[in-house]
Amino acid sequence: MNWITNYVRPRINSIFSRREVPENLWSKCPECGTMLFHRELKDNLNVCTQCDHHMGIAPRDRFISLFDGGIFTEISVPAPVADPLHFKDQKKYPDRMKAAQKKTGEAEAMLVAEGEMGRTPIVAAAQDFSFMGGSMSMYVGNAILAGAERAVEMNRPFILFSAAGGARMQEGILGLMQMPRTTIAIQMLKEAGLPYIVVLTHPTTGGVTASYAMLGDVHISEPNALIGFAGARVIEQTIGEKLPEGFQRAEYLLDHGMLDRVTKRTELRGELIAITRMLLGKSPAITADLPAPDKSDDPAAEPAPAETAGQDVPATETP
């Protein structure tokens, strides 16, 4: 009977390993509650296909949708001193960092890259709210400085996507000091005469709003993004008045002159291409993303001179 004793029962779990079973096939829209197939949601850049709610999007996915062909090169960011204050609340700061890194697969809350957008070389930076609330750390300050320096060195526009809850409390005053550091970095761009475009996404609050997020030549926001310094409840308690409907939302800020545009994520790349070319003094709409308007039926339109497709108008030199 040894053959019975030595018989090994098949391991059903090993045949149908959990790793082979696709996970997260569906996502629930937090706004309308619709269950969305993950591939459909990803193809729509994490925007609900039913109600247009803009969910969070990772910096790498943001860059894939922004750069031509999804091709970009990361820019190296100097690593600051880890846990400079030896901070601990309910958890040690290094433990929170490890958890955030495991969750997002990134080293920190900001990614910086360079590549072409609409055949125009640019530098871009994107914050990840999933990484400790996108909080402004010494690393984030280094990232913005590295991006600005690269843009100045290569004479390229700088586009920044903000998403943050403010400065990182675990770094105390060192986190707050990134406000003047990043302000100086943006001033470098302005002195070089280079475009600096900010796309404010949900949410952009605290010290980030009080520094680099509101220093752009052009400010664009995604729909319904929360943008402000202090929270609405804190403001109401301070002034003793009820705030207007939609206060600190993108559409309200657009109506009151704080933003230039509110643009859907699926239309953002085309708009950024047009704005960048305009700021560089180039012909505004000669890309596959932005076909030139057809004026053949317009009797008032003057005949345009012959022009080679893709030819740029000479840019005005910056003194």
C-alpha atoms as a PDB file:
ATOM      1  CA  MET A   1       0.000   0.000   0.000  1.00  0.00           C
ATOM      2  CA  ASN A   2       3.037   2.221  -0.226  1.00  0.00           C
ATOM      3  CA  TRP A   3       1.736   3.676  -3.445  1.00  0.00           C
ATOM      4  CA  ILE A   4      -1.252   5.094  -1.503  1.00  0.00           C
ATOM      5  CA  THR A   5       0.953   6.441   1.259  1.00  0.00           C
ATOM      6  CA  ASN A   6       3.314   8.103  -1.192  1.00  0.00           C
ATOM      7  CA  TYR A   7       0.532   9.565  -3.290  1.00  0.00           C
ATOM      8  CA  VAL A   8       0.624  13.341  -3.276  1.00  0.00           C
ATOM      9  CA  ARG A   9      -2.697  15.118  -3.676  1.00  0.00           C
ATOM     10  CA  PRO A  10      -2.747  17.698  -6.448  1.00  0.00           C
ATOM     11  CA  ARG A  11      -2.495  21.303  -5.303  1.00  0.00           C
ATOM     12  CA  ILE A  12      -5.498  22.963  -6.875  1.00  0.00           C
ATOM     13  CA  ASN A  13      -4.313  26.400  -5.808  1.00  0.00           C
ATOM     14  CA  SER A  14      -1.054  25.985  -7.715  1.00  0.00           C
ATOM     15  CA  ILE A  15      -2.938  25.186 -10.939  1.00  0.00           C
ATOM     16  CA  PHE A  16      -5.155  28.238 -10.649  1.00  0.00           C
ATOM     17  CA  SER A  17      -2.705  30.535  -8.938  1.00  0.00           C
ATOM     18  CA  ARG A  18      -4.141  33.813  -7.700  1.00  0.00           C
ATOM     19  CA  ARG A  19      -1.376  35.578  -9.565  1.00  0.00           C
ATOM     20  CA  GLU A  20      -2.786  34.295 -12.849  1.00  0.00           C
ATOM     21  CA  VAL A  21      -6.262  35.642 -12.086  1.00  0.00           C
ATOM     22  CA  PRO A  22      -6.608  39.226 -13.284  1.00  0.00           C
ATOM     23  CA  GLU A  23      -7.306  41.635 -10.461  1.00  0.00           C
ATOM     24  CA  ASN A  24      -9.007  45.033 -10.454  1.00  0.00           C
ATOM     25  CA  LEU A  25     -10.932  44.343 -13.640  1.00  0.00           C
ATOM     26  CA  TRP A  26     -13.470  46.970 -12.633  1.00  0.00           C
ATOM     27  CA  SER A  27     -13.268  50.357 -10.969  1.00  0.00           C
ATOM     28  CA  LYS A  28     -16.119  52.241  -9.368  1.00  0.00           C
ATOM     29  CA  CYS A  29     -16.459  55.908 -10.203  1.00  0.00           C
ATOM     30  CA  PRO A  30     -16.499  57.788  -6.873  1.00  0.00           C
ATOM     31  CA  GLU A  31     -18.768  60.444  -8.359  1.00  0.00           C
ATOM     32  CA  CYS A  32     -21.570  58.548 -10.135  1.00  0.00           C
ATOM     33  CA  GLY A  33     -20.981  54.994  -8.869  1.00  0.00           C
ATOM     34  CA  THR A  34     -20.700  53.464 -12.347  1.00  0.00           C
ATOM     35  CA  MET A  35     -18.588  50.300 -12.604  1.00  0.00           C
ATOM     36  CA  LEU A  36     -15.990  50.887 -15.316  1.00  0.00           C
ATOM     37  CA  PHE A  37     -13.902  48.249 -17.059  1.00  0.00           C
ATOM     38  CA  HIS A  38     -10.279  49.022 -16.227  1.00  0.00           C
ATOM     39  CA  ARG A  39      -9.031  48.971 -19.836  1.00  0.00           C
ATOM     40  CA  GLU A  40     -11.777  51.320 -20.941  1.00  0.00           C
ATOM     41  CA  LEU A  41     -10.988  53.621 -18.010  1.00  0.00           C
ATOM     42  CA  LYS A  42      -7.255  53.576 -18.766  1.00  0.00           C
ATOM     43  CA  ASP A  43      -7.863  54.297 -22.452  1.00  0.00           C
ATOM     44  CA  ASN A  44      -9.893  57.332 -21.350  1.00  0.00           C
ATOM     45  CA  LEU A  45      -7.026  58.568 -19.125  1.00  0.00           C
ATOM     46  CA  ASN A  46      -8.842  57.723 -15.877  1.00  0.00           C
ATOM     47  CA  VAL A  47     -11.827  59.902 -16.749  1.00  0.00           C
ATOM     48  CA  CYS A  48     -15.262  58.364 -16.119  1.00  0.00           C
ATOM     49  CA  THR A  49     -16.960  57.628 -19.424  1.00  0.00           C
ATOM     50  CA  GLN A  50     -20.372  58.239 -17.876  1.00  0.00           C
ATOM     51  CA  CYS A  51     -20.058  61.449 -15.842  1.00  0.00           C
ATOM     52  CA  ASP A  52     -16.641  62.853 -16.903  1.00  0.00           C
ATOM     53  CA  HIS A  53     -15.297  62.699 -13.348  1.00  0.00           C
ATOM     54  CA  HIS A  54     -11.491  63.053 -13.418  1.00  0.00           C
ATOM     55  CA  MET A  55      -9.845  60.461 -11.197  1.00  0.00           C
ATOM     56  CA  GLY A  56      -6.197  60.489 -10.178  1.00  0.00           C
ATOM     57  CA  ILE A  57      -3.599  59.475 -12.729  1.00  0.00           C
ATOM     58  CA  ALA A  58      -0.012  58.340 -12.125  1.00  0.00           C
ATOM     59  CA  PRO A  59       2.817  60.569 -13.405  1.00  0.00           C
ATOM     60  CA  ARG A  60       4.070  57.889 -15.828  1.00  0.00           C
ATOM     61  CA  ASP A  61       0.615  57.488 -17.354  1.00  0.00           C
ATOM     62  CA  ARG A  62       0.379  61.264 -17.519  1.00  0.00           C
ATOM     63  CA  PHE A  63       3.665  61.425 -19.435  1.00  0.00           C
ATOM     64  CA  ILE A  64       2.666  58.614 -21.792  1.00  0.00           C
ATOM     65  CA  SER A  65      -0.394  60.650 -22.786  1.00  0.00           C
ATOM     66  CA  LEU A  66       1.605  63.875 -23.046  1.00  0.00           C
ATOM     67  CA  PHE A  67       4.788  63.050 -24.969  1.00  0.00           C
ATOM     68  CA  ASP A  68       4.845  62.081 -28.643  1.00  0.00           C
ATOM     69  CA  GLY A  69       4.481  58.310 -28.916  1.00  0.00           C
ATOM     70  CA  GLY A  70       4.535  58.069 -25.118  1.00  0.00           C
ATOM     71  CA  ILE A  71       8.343  58.292 -25.290  1.00  0.00           C
ATOM     72  CA  PHE A  72      10.192  60.258 -22.628  1.00  0.00           C
ATOM     73  CA  THR A  73      13.459  60.245 -20.687  1.00  0.00           C
ATOM     74  CA  GLU A  74      13.469  60.671 -16.931  1.00  0.00           C
ATOM     75  CA  ILE A  75      15.590  63.452 -15.476  1.00  0.00           C
ATOM     76  CA  SER A  76      17.719  62.474 -12.506  1.00  0.00           C
ATOM     77  CA  VAL A  77      16.796  64.147  -9.207  1.00  0.00           C
ATOM     78  CA  PRO A  78      19.355  64.497  -6.380  1.00  0.00           C
ATOM     79  CA  ALA A  79      18.270  62.512  -3.324  1.00  0.00           C
ATOM     80  CA  PRO A  80      18.084  64.602  -0.131  1.00  0.00           C
ATOM     81  CA  VAL A  81      18.970  63.480   3.374  1.00  0.00           C
ATOM     82  CA  ALA A  82      16.472  60.824   4.472  1.00  0.00           C
ATOM     83  CA  ASP A  83      14.410  61.585   7.603  1.00  0.00           C
ATOM     84  CA  PRO A  84      16.387  64.714   8.569  1.00  0.00           C
ATOM     85  CA  LEU A  85      14.264  65.354  11.685  1.00  0.00           C
ATOM     86  CA  HIS A  86      13.954  61.701  12.786  1.00  0.00           C
ATOM     87  CA  PHE A  87      10.217  62.333  12.735  1.00  0.00           C
ATOM     88  CA  LYS A  88       7.720  59.920  14.237  1.00  0.00           C
ATOM     89  CA  ASP A  89       3.969  60.160  14.763  1.00  0.00           C
ATOM     90  CA  GLN A  90       1.955  56.959  14.724  1.00  0.00           C
ATOM     91  CA  LYS A  91       4.643  55.588  12.416  1.00  0.00           C
ATOM     92  CA  LYS A  92       8.239  56.428  11.697  1.00  0.00           C
ATOM     93  CA  TYR A  93       8.784  58.622   8.646  1.00  0.00           C
ATOM     94  CA  PRO A  94      10.963  55.989   6.875  1.00  0.00           C
ATOM     95  CA  ASP A  95       8.157  53.450   7.351  1.00  0.00           C
ATOM     96  CA  ARG A  96       5.640  55.813   5.759  1.00  0.00           C
ATOM     97  CA  MET A  97       8.034  56.360   2.872  1.00  0.00           C
ATOM     98  CA  LYS A  98       8.453  52.629   2.305  1.00  0.00           C
ATOM     99  CA  ALA A  99       4.672  52.144   2.325  1.00  0.00           C
ATOM    100  CA  ALA A 100       4.205  54.955  -0.216  1.00  0.00           C
ATOM    101  CA  GLN A 101       6.958  53.567  -2.433  1.00  0.00           C
ATOM    102  CA  LYS A 102       5.389  50.111  -2.362  1.00  0.00           C
ATOM    103  CA  LYS A 103       1.946  51.536  -3.142  1.00  0.00           C
ATOM    104  CA  THR A 104       2.997  53.706  -6.078  1.00  0.00           C
ATOM    105  CA  GLY A 105       6.128  51.987  -7.358  1.00  0.00           C
ATOM    106  CA  GLU A 106       7.901  55.354  -7.344  1.00  0.00           C
ATOM    107  CA  ALA A 107      10.724  56.695  -5.207  1.00  0.00           C
ATOM    108  CA  GLU A 108       8.953  59.955  -4.372  1.00  0.00           C
ATOM    109  CA  ALA A 109       5.964  62.211  -5.058  1.00  0.00           C
ATOM    110  CA  MET A 110       7.247  63.859  -8.246  1.00  0.00           C
ATOM    111  CA  LEU A 111       8.585  62.618 -11.577  1.00  0.00           C
ATOM    112  CA  VAL A 112      10.507  64.820 -14.030  1.00  0.00           C
ATOM    113  CA  ALA A 113      11.068  63.961 -17.686  1.00  0.00           C
ATOM    114  CA  GLU A 114      11.935  65.377 -21.093  1.00  0.00           C
ATOM    115  CA  GLY A 115      10.822  64.547 -24.596  1.00  0.00           C
ATOM    116  CA  GLU A 116       8.810  65.966 -27.470  1.00  0.00           C
ATOM    117  CA  MET A 117       5.207  67.166 -27.388  1.00  0.00           C
ATOM    118  CA  GLY A 118       3.771  67.948 -30.784  1.00  0.00           C
ATOM    119  CA  ARG A 119       7.343  67.804 -32.129  1.00  0.00           C
ATOM    120  CA  THR A 120       8.406  70.525 -29.674  1.00  0.00           C
ATOM    121  CA  PRO A 121      11.048  69.489 -27.101  1.00  0.00           C
ATOM    122  CA  ILE A 122       9.832  70.172 -23.550  1.00  0.00           C
ATOM    123  CA  VAL A 123      10.557  69.376 -19.915  1.00  0.00           C
ATOM    124  CA  ALA A 124       7.668  68.228 -17.719  1.00  0.00           C
ATOM    125  CA  ALA A 125       7.114  67.431 -14.049  1.00  0.00           C
ATOM    126  CA  ALA A 126       4.131  65.675 -12.469  1.00  0.00           C
ATOM    127  CA  GLN A 127       3.129  65.203  -8.841  1.00  0.00           C
ATOM    128  CA  ASP A 128       1.542  62.023  -7.548  1.00  0.00           C
ATOM    129  CA  PHE A 129      -1.155  62.594  -4.915  1.00  0.00           C
ATOM    130  CA  SER A 130      -1.095  58.875  -4.144  1.00  0.00           C
ATOM    131  CA  PHE A 131       2.398  59.329  -2.681  1.00  0.00           C
ATOM    132  CA  MET A 132       1.811  60.814   0.772  1.00  0.00           C
ATOM    133  CA  GLY A 133      -0.733  63.257  -0.626  1.00  0.00           C
ATOM    134  CA  GLY A 134       1.773  64.578  -3.154  1.00  0.00           C
ATOM    135  CA  SER A 135       3.260  66.560  -0.278  1.00  0.00           C
ATOM    136  CA  MET A 136       6.039  69.033  -0.998  1.00  0.00           C
ATOM    137  CA  SER A 137       9.230  67.495   0.357  1.00  0.00           C
ATOM    138  CA  MET A 138      12.892  68.319  -0.108  1.00  0.00           C
ATOM    139  CA  TYR A 139      12.889  65.774  -2.948  1.00  0.00           C
ATOM    140  CA  VAL A 140       9.995  67.570  -4.668  1.00  0.00           C
ATOM    141  CA  GLY A 141      11.926  70.836  -4.350  1.00  0.00           C
ATOM    142  CA  ASN A 142      14.985  69.173  -5.871  1.00  0.00           C
ATOM    143  CA  ALA A 143      12.819  67.762  -8.680  1.00  0.00           C
ATOM    144  CA  ILE A 144      11.412  71.146  -9.669  1.00  0.00           C
ATOM    145  CA  LEU A 145      14.865  72.714  -9.510  1.00  0.00           C
ATOM    146  CA  ALA A 146      16.306  69.885 -11.647  1.00  0.00           C
ATOM    147  CA  GLY A 147      13.496  70.308 -14.196  1.00  0.00           C
ATOM    148  CA  ALA A 148      13.904  74.094 -14.356  1.00  0.00           C
ATOM    149  CA  GLU A 149      17.682  73.838 -14.723  1.00  0.00           C
ATOM    150  CA  ARG A 150      17.315  71.301 -17.518  1.00  0.00           C
ATOM    151  CA  ALA A 151      14.762  73.486 -19.287  1.00  0.00           C
ATOM    152  CA  VAL A 152      17.097  76.499 -19.099  1.00  0.00           C
ATOM    153  CA  GLU A 153      20.105  74.433 -20.186  1.00  0.00           C
ATOM    154  CA  MET A 154      18.287  73.023 -23.234  1.00  0.00           C
ATOM    155  CA  ASN A 155      16.188  76.165 -23.896  1.00  0.00           C
ATOM    156  CA  ARG A 156      12.883  74.315 -23.537  1.00  0.00           C
ATOM    157  CA  PRO A 157       9.429  75.115 -22.091  1.00  0.00           C
ATOM    158  CA  PHE A 158       8.598  73.664 -18.670  1.00  0.00           C
ATOM    159  CA  ILE A 159       5.166  72.132 -18.025  1.00  0.00           C
ATOM    160  CA  LEU A 160       4.191  71.167 -14.485  1.00  0.00           C
ATOM    161  CA  PHE A 161       1.209  69.092 -13.290  1.00  0.00           C
ATOM    162  CA  SER A 162       0.446  69.870  -9.644  1.00  0.00           C
ATOM    163  CA  ALA A 163      -1.418  67.621  -7.200  1.00  0.00           C
ATOM    164  CA  ALA A 164      -0.685  68.094  -3.516  1.00  0.00           C
ATOM    165  CA  GLY A 165      -2.052  68.660  -0.068  1.00  0.00           C
ATOM    166  CA  GLY A 166       0.750  71.053   0.875  1.00  0.00           C
ATOM    167  CA  ALA A 167       4.177  70.777   2.480  1.00  0.00           C
ATOM    168  CA  ARG A 168       5.289  67.491   4.041  1.00  0.00           C
ATOM    169  CA  MET A 169       4.897  67.821   7.792  1.00  0.00           C
ATOM    170  CA  GLN A 170       7.452  65.057   8.485  1.00  0.00           C
ATOM    171  CA  GLU A 171      10.140  67.403   7.158  1.00  0.00           C
ATOM    172  CA  GLY A 172       8.927  70.461   9.049  1.00  0.00           C
ATOM    173  CA  ILE A 173      10.601  73.742   8.136  1.00  0.00           C
ATOM    174  CA  LEU A 174      12.751  71.929   5.570  1.00  0.00           C
ATOM    175  CA  GLY A 175       9.568  71.079   3.655  1.00  0.00           C
ATOM    176  CA  LEU A 176       8.285  74.657   3.946  1.00  0.00           C
ATOM    177  CA  MET A 177      11.612  75.986   2.659  1.00  0.00           C
ATOM    178  CA  GLN A 178      10.808  74.405  -0.711  1.00  0.00           C
ATOM    179  CA  MET A 179       8.367  77.270  -1.316  1.00  0.00           C
ATOM    180  CA  PRO A 180      11.104  79.913  -1.807  1.00  0.00           C
ATOM    181  CA  ARG A 181      13.426  77.370  -3.473  1.00  0.00           C
ATOM    182  CA  THR A 182      10.870  76.498  -6.142  1.00  0.00           C
ATOM    183  CA  THR A 183       9.926  80.157  -6.557  1.00  0.00           C
ATOM    184  CA  ILE A 184      13.566  80.914  -7.393  1.00  0.00           C
ATOM    185  CA  ALA A 185      13.603  77.951  -9.810  1.00  0.00           C
ATOM    186  CA  ILE A 186      10.602  79.387 -11.670  1.00  0.00           C
ATOM    187  CA  GLN A 187      12.251  82.815 -11.725  1.00  0.00           C
ATOM    188  CA  MET A 188      15.169  81.202 -13.570  1.00  0.00           C
ATOM    189  CA  LEU A 189      12.759  80.157 -16.325  1.00  0.00           C
ATOM    190  CA  LYS A 190      11.257  83.628 -16.573  1.00  0.00           C
ATOM    191  CA  GLU A 191      14.672  85.295 -16.761  1.00  0.00           C
ATOM    192  CA  ALA A 192      15.560  82.911 -19.595  1.00  0.00           C
ATOM    193  CA  GLY A 193      12.352  83.873 -21.414  1.00  0.00           C
ATOM    194  CA  LEU A 194      11.048  80.285 -21.375  1.00  0.00           C
ATOM    195  CA  PRO A 195       7.350  79.341 -21.104  1.00  0.00           C
ATOM    196  CA  TYR A 196       6.210  77.908 -17.779  1.00  0.00           C
ATOM    197  CA  ILE A 197       2.769  76.291 -17.950  1.00  0.00           C
ATOM    198  CA  VAL A 198       0.999  74.890 -14.897  1.00  0.00           C
ATOM    199  CA  VAL A 199      -1.797  72.317 -15.035  1.00  0.00           C
ATOM    200  CA  LEU A 200      -3.542  72.288 -11.667  1.00  0.00           C
ATOM    201  CA  THR A 201      -5.197  68.955 -10.912  1.00  0.00           C
ATOM    202  CA  HIS A 202      -7.312  67.729  -8.025  1.00  0.00           C
ATOM    203  CA  PRO A 203      -6.338  68.679  -5.390  1.00  0.00           C
ATOM    204  CA  THR A 204      -3.758  71.480  -5.350  1.00  0.00           C
ATOM    205  CA  THR A 205      -3.667  73.103  -1.923  1.00  0.00           C
ATOM    206  CA  GLY A 206      -1.457  74.536   0.806  1.00  0.00           C
ATOM    207  CA  GLY A 207       2.106  75.693   0.237  1.00  0.00           C
ATOM    208  CA  VAL A 208       2.113  74.301  -3.298  1.00  0.00           C
ATOM    209  CA  THR A 209      -0.626  76.770  -4.274  1.00  0.00           C
ATOM    210  CA  ALA A 210       1.299  79.522  -2.496  1.00  0.00           C
ATOM    211  CA  SER A 211       4.416  78.883  -4.572  1.00  0.00           C
ATOM    212  CA  TYR A 212       5.135  77.175  -7.898  1.00  0.00           C
ATOM    213  CA  ALA A 213       1.559  76.161  -8.735  1.00  0.00           C
ATOM    214  CA  MET A 214       0.398  79.755  -9.215  1.00  0.00           C
ATOM    215  CA  LEU A 215       3.483  81.257 -10.862  1.00  0.00           C
ATOM    216  CA  GLY A 216       2.856  80.052 -14.416  1.00  0.00           C
ATOM    217  CA  ASP A 217       2.610  82.089 -17.589  1.00  0.00           C
ATOM    218  CA  VAL A 218      -0.582  80.120 -18.223  1.00  0.00           C
ATOM    219  CA  HIS A 219      -2.716  78.303 -15.647  1.00  0.00           C
ATOM    220  CA  ILE A 220      -4.923  75.438 -16.807  1.00  0.00           C
ATOM    221  CA  SER A 221      -7.015  73.190 -14.585  1.00  0.00           C
ATOM    222  CA  GLU A 222      -8.822  69.925 -14.990  1.00  0.00           C
ATOM    223  CA  PRO A 223     -12.587  70.113 -14.354  1.00  0.00           C
ATOM    224  CA  ASN A 224     -13.852  70.423 -10.775  1.00  0.00           C
ATOM    225  CA  ALA A 225     -10.339  70.365  -9.294  1.00  0.00           C
ATOM    226  CA  LEU A 226     -10.038  71.646  -5.733  1.00  0.00           C
ATOM    227  CA  ILE A 227      -7.555  74.542  -5.693  1.00  0.00           C
ATOM    228  CA  GLY A 228      -6.781  76.767  -2.734  1.00  0.00           C
ATOM    229  CA  PHE A 229      -4.555  77.493   0.228  1.00  0.00           C
ATOM    230  CA  ALA A 230      -6.478  76.828   3.440  1.00  0.00           C
ATOM    231  CA  GLY A 231      -9.459  74.494   3.604  1.00  0.00           C
ATOM    232  CA  ALA A 232     -12.965  75.869   3.136  1.00  0.00           C
ATOM    233  CA  ARG A 233     -14.013  74.959   6.676  1.00  0.00           C
ATOM    234  CA  VAL A 234     -11.022  76.793   8.163  1.00  0.00           C
ATOM    235  CA  ILE A 235     -11.823  79.880   6.087  1.00  0.00           C
ATOM    236  CA  GLU A 236     -15.480  79.845   7.134  1.00  0.00           C
ATOM    237  CA  GLN A 237     -14.526  79.574  10.792  1.00  0.00           C
ATOM    238  CA  THR A 238     -12.019  82.408  10.400  1.00  0.00           C
ATOM    239  CA  ILE A 239     -14.237  84.928   8.613  1.00  0.00           C
ATOM    240  CA  GLY A 240     -17.487  83.786  10.205  1.00  0.00           C
ATOM    241  CA  GLU A 241     -19.313  83.627   6.877  1.00  0.00           C
ATOM    242  CA  LYS A 242     -20.590  80.905   4.587  1.00  0.00           C
ATOM    243  CA  LEU A 243     -18.574  80.571   1.403  1.00  0.00           C
ATOM    244  CA  PRO A 244     -20.131  80.781  -2.081  1.00  0.00           C
ATOM    245  CA  GLU A 245     -21.231  77.625  -3.885  1.00  0.00           C
ATOM    246  CA  GLY A 246     -18.333  75.961  -5.691  1.00  0.00           C
ATOM    247  CA  PHE A 247     -15.725  78.011  -3.827  1.00  0.00           C
ATOM    248  CA  GLN A 248     -12.156  76.784  -4.528  1.00  0.00           C
ATOM    249  CA  ARG A 249     -13.289  74.670  -7.463  1.00  0.00           C
ATOM    250  CA  ALA A 250     -11.705  75.164 -10.887  1.00  0.00           C
ATOM    251  CA  GLU A 251     -14.798  76.602 -12.559  1.00  0.00           C
ATOM    252  CA  TYR A 252     -15.284  79.176  -9.768  1.00  0.00           C
ATOM    253  CA  LEU A 253     -11.637  80.240 -10.011  1.00  0.00           C
ATOM    254  CA  LEU A 254     -11.916  80.538 -13.793  1.00  0.00           C
ATOM    255  CA  ASP A 255     -14.930  82.836 -13.434  1.00  0.00           C
ATOM    256  CA  HIS A 256     -12.995  84.999 -10.961  1.00  0.00           C
ATOM    257  CA  GLY A 257      -9.827  85.366 -13.001  1.00  0.00           C
ATOM    258  CA  MET A 258      -7.551  82.948 -11.140  1.00  0.00           C
ATOM    259  CA  LEU A 259      -7.284  80.487 -14.042  1.00  0.00           C
ATOM    260  CA  ASP A 260      -6.932  80.849 -17.799  1.00  0.00           C
ATOM    261  CA  ARG A 261      -8.610  77.611 -18.866  1.00  0.00           C
ATOM    262  CA  VAL A 262     -10.476  74.574 -17.568  1.00  0.00           C
ATOM    263  CA  THR A 263      -9.792  71.679 -19.900  1.00  0.00           C
ATOM    264  CA  LYS A 264     -10.773  68.012 -19.942  1.00  0.00           C
ATOM    265  CA  ARG A 265      -7.852  65.624 -19.600  1.00  0.00           C
ATOM    266  CA  THR A 266      -8.650  63.964 -22.914  1.00  0.00           C
ATOM    267  CA  GLU A 267      -8.280  67.362 -24.666  1.00  0.00           C
ATOM    268  CA  LEU A 268      -5.318  68.602 -22.653  1.00  0.00           C
ATOM    269  CA  ARG A 269      -2.446  67.472 -24.866  1.00  0.00           C
ATOM    270  CA  GLY A 270      -3.795  69.306 -27.922  1.00  0.00           C
ATOM    271  CA  GLU A 271      -4.336  72.480 -25.919  1.00  0.00           C
ATOM    272  CA  LEU A 272      -0.858  72.331 -24.383  1.00  0.00           C
ATOM    273  CA  ILE A 273       0.663  71.915 -27.847  1.00  0.00           C
ATOM    274  CA  ALA A 274      -1.170  74.995 -29.128  1.00  0.00           C
ATOM    275  CA  ILE A 275      -0.317  77.139 -26.091  1.00  0.00           C
ATOM    276  CA  THR A 276       3.343  76.094 -26.098  1.00  0.00           C
ATOM    277  CA  ARG A 277       3.766  76.882 -29.775  1.00  0.00           C
ATOM    278  CA  MET A 278       2.049  80.239 -29.284  1.00  0.00           C
ATOM    279  CA  LEU A 279       4.331  81.173 -26.369  1.00  0.00           C
ATOM    280  CA  LEU A 280       7.374  80.169 -28.411  1.00  0.00           C
ATOM    281  CA  GLY A 281       6.195  82.384 -31.260  1.00  0.00           C
ATOM    282  CA  LYS A 282       5.601  79.478 -33.596  1.00  0.00           C
ATOM    283  CA  SER A 283       2.782  78.762 -36.044  1.00  0.00           C
ATOM    284  CA  PRO A 284       0.007  77.708 -33.635  1.00  0.00           C
ATOM    285  CA  ALA A 285      -1.747  74.707 -35.125  1.00  0.00           C
ATOM    286  CA  ILE A 286       0.234  72.596 -37.569  1.00  0.00           C
ATOM    287  CA  THR A 287       0.190  69.255 -35.787  1.00  0.00           C
ATOM    288  CA  ALA A 288      -1.737  66.034 -36.127  1.00  0.00           C
ATOM    289  CA  ASP A 289      -3.458  66.841 -32.848  1.00  0.00           C
ATOM    290  CA  LEU A 290      -4.668  70.255 -33.959  1.00  0.00           C
ATOM    291  CA  PRO A 291      -5.780  70.490 -37.593  1.00  0.00           C
ATOM    292  CA  ALA A 292      -5.866  74.025 -38.974  1.00  0.00           C
ATOM    293  CA  PRO A 293      -9.412  75.434 -39.376  1.00  0.00           C
ATOM    294  CA  ASP A 294     -10.949  75.163 -42.835  1.00  0.00           C
ATOM    295  CA  LYS A 295     -11.675  78.672 -44.191  1.00  0.00           C
ATOM    296  CA  SER A 296     -12.328  77.661 -47.785  1.00  0.00           C
ATOM    297  CA  ASP A 297     -16.009  78.528 -47.453  1.00  0.00           C
ATOM    298  CA  ASP A 298     -15.370  81.853 -45.698  1.00  0.00           C
ATOM    299  CA  PRO A 299     -15.764  84.674 -48.277  1.00  0.00           C
ATOM    300  CA  ALA A 300     -14.060  87.146 -45.920  1.00  0.00           C
ATOM    301  CA  ALA A 301     -10.951  85.030 -45.544  1.00  0.00           C
ATOM    302  CA  GLU A 302      -7.894  86.349 -47.331  1.00  0.00           C
ATOM    303  CA  PRO A 303      -5.881  83.900 -49.440  1.00  0.00           C
ATOM    304  CA  ALA A 304      -3.037  82.520 -47.349  1.00  0.00           C
ATOM    305  CA  PRO A 305       0.522  82.478 -48.738  1.00  0.00           C
ATOM    306  CA  ALA A 306       1.950  79.110 -49.693  1.00  0.00           C
ATOM    307  CA  GLU A 307       3.509  77.412 -46.670  1.00  0.00           C
ATOM    308  CA  THR A 308       5.225  74.100 -46.145  1.00  0.00           C
ATOM    309  CA  ALA A 309       3.423  71.952 -43.595  1.00  0.00           C
ATOM    310  CA  GLY A 310       5.235  72.018 -40.287  1.00  0.00           C
ATOM    311  CA  GLN A 311       7.275  75.140 -41.123  1.00  0.00           C
ATOM    312  CA  ASP A 312       7.631  77.455 -38.119  1.00  0.00           C
ATOM    313  CA  VAL A 313       7.308  81.207 -38.011  1.00  0.00           C
ATOM    314  CA  PRO A 314      10.616  82.622 -36.714  1.00  0.00           C
ATOM    315  CA  ALA A 315      10.441  83.226 -32.975  1.00  0.00           C
ATOM    316  CA  THR A 316      11.233  86.642 -31.509  1.00  0.00           C
ATOM    317  CA  GLU A 317      14.551  86.599 -29.692  1.00  0.00           C
ATOM    318  CA  THR A 318      14.465  87.168 -25.965  1.00  0.00           C
ATOM    319  CA  PRO A 319      16.770  89.989 -24.852  1.00  0.00           C
END
